[in-house]
Amino acid sequence: MPFDEALLFVLMLAAFLGFEVVSKVPTMLHTPLMSGTNFIHGIVIVGAIVVLGFADDGVTKTIGFIAMVLATANVVGGWFVTDRMLEMFKRRPVDRER
């Protein structure tokens, strides 16, 4: 099997397995799971930095920059969703005016 076909097969398999795993998650756990995985998405930022570091032509630099911007937006969004979700679990102050 040529290298490109193997990469395409791995991509299709990952997409199928990812869809199957995420679709089986109960609704109550979907937000914590997705916010956590979005925050872990910071690994893509490291990959984009590596791509930009080895970039020789304009196309590679553009793709690396776009990957960096999208990954950063994903990490920031994941942080805000996680922070908002954790606020729901904090105890509320008790009124003692009785």
Protein backbone atom coordinates (compact mmCIF):
# COMPACT_ATOMS: atom_id res chain seq x y z
CA MET A 1 0.00 0.00 0.00
CA PRO A 2 1.54 3.35 -0.98
CA PHE A 3 2.24 5.89 1.75
CA ASP A 4 -0.51 8.32 0.67
CA GLU A 5 -3.14 5.59 0.70
CA ALA A 6 -2.01 4.50 4.15
CA LEU A 7 -2.33 8.07 5.44
CA LEU A 8 -5.79 8.38 3.91
CA PHE A 9 -6.80 5.07 5.52
CA VAL A 10 -5.56 6.23 8.94
CA LEU A 11 -7.44 9.54 8.55
CA MET A 12 -10.68 7.77 7.63
CA LEU A 13 -10.29 5.28 10.47
CA ALA A 14 -9.60 8.06 12.99
CA ALA A 15 -12.63 10.04 11.78
CA PHE A 16 -14.90 6.99 12.04
CA LEU A 17 -13.64 5.96 15.48
CA GLY A 18 -13.79 9.54 16.76
CA PHE A 19 -17.39 9.88 15.61
CA GLU A 20 -18.35 6.56 17.18
CA VAL A 21 -16.69 7.36 20.52
CA VAL A 22 -18.10 10.89 20.79
CA SER A 23 -21.60 9.84 19.74
CA LYS A 24 -21.69 7.29 22.58
CA VAL A 25 -20.92 9.89 25.26
CA PRO A 26 -23.95 10.80 27.40
CA THR A 27 -25.22 14.36 26.96
CA MET A 28 -24.31 15.27 30.54
CA LEU A 29 -20.64 14.43 29.94
CA HIS A 30 -20.34 15.95 26.47
CA THR A 31 -19.42 19.50 27.57
CA PRO A 32 -16.72 18.46 30.08
CA LEU A 33 -15.24 16.03 27.58
CA MET A 34 -15.15 18.51 24.72
CA SER A 35 -13.84 21.39 26.81
CA GLY A 36 -11.05 19.18 28.12
CA THR A 37 -10.09 17.96 24.68
CA ASN A 38 -10.20 21.50 23.29
CA PHE A 39 -7.84 22.61 26.02
CA ILE A 40 -5.49 19.69 25.33
CA HIS A 41 -5.58 20.83 21.70
CA GLY A 42 -2.63 23.03 22.64
CA ILE A 43 -0.41 20.27 21.29
CA VAL A 44 -1.40 21.48 17.83
CA ILE A 45 0.08 24.87 18.72
CA VAL A 46 3.42 23.17 19.36
CA GLY A 47 3.14 21.37 16.00
CA ALA A 48 2.32 24.65 14.24
CA ILE A 49 5.36 26.28 15.83
CA VAL A 50 7.53 23.41 14.58
CA VAL A 51 6.04 23.72 11.07
CA LEU A 52 6.66 27.46 11.08
CA GLY A 53 10.21 26.89 12.30
CA PHE A 54 11.05 24.62 9.36
CA ALA A 55 8.98 26.52 6.76
CA ASP A 56 10.85 27.33 3.56
CA ASP A 57 8.11 28.59 1.26
CA GLY A 58 5.07 30.82 1.57
CA VAL A 59 2.51 28.01 1.40
CA THR A 60 4.02 26.17 4.37
CA LYS A 61 4.25 29.40 6.36
CA THR A 62 0.62 30.22 5.57
CA ILE A 63 -0.61 26.76 6.58
CA GLY A 64 1.44 26.87 9.78
CA PHE A 65 0.11 30.33 10.64
CA ILE A 66 -3.50 29.29 10.01
CA ALA A 67 -2.99 26.16 12.14
CA MET A 68 -1.55 28.30 14.92
CA VAL A 69 -4.44 30.78 14.85
CA LEU A 70 -7.12 28.07 14.81
CA ALA A 71 -5.44 26.03 17.55
CA THR A 72 -5.07 29.12 19.72
CA ALA A 73 -8.75 29.97 19.27
CA ASN A 74 -9.65 26.40 20.18
CA VAL A 75 -7.51 26.45 23.33
CA VAL A 76 -8.90 29.80 24.47
CA GLY A 77 -12.46 28.67 23.79
CA GLY A 78 -11.86 25.42 25.64
CA TRP A 79 -10.50 27.36 28.60
CA PHE A 80 -13.57 29.64 28.75
CA VAL A 81 -15.99 26.72 28.46
CA THR A 82 -14.13 24.78 31.16
CA ASP A 83 -14.04 27.80 33.45
CA ARG A 84 -17.76 28.43 32.97
CA MET A 85 -18.54 24.77 33.55
CA LEU A 86 -16.51 24.67 36.77
CA GLU A 87 -18.34 27.77 38.03
CA MET A 88 -21.55 25.70 38.02
CA PHE A 89 -20.09 23.33 40.61
CA LYS A 90 -19.00 25.98 43.13
CA ARG A 91 -21.07 26.29 46.27
CA ARG A 92 -23.31 29.30 46.53
CA PRO A 93 -23.05 31.48 49.65
CA VAL A 94 -25.74 30.65 52.18
CA ASP A 95 -27.99 33.50 53.34
CA ARG A 96 -28.02 33.68 57.15
CA GLU A 97 -30.69 36.36 57.54
CA ARG A 98 -33.27 34.16 59.27
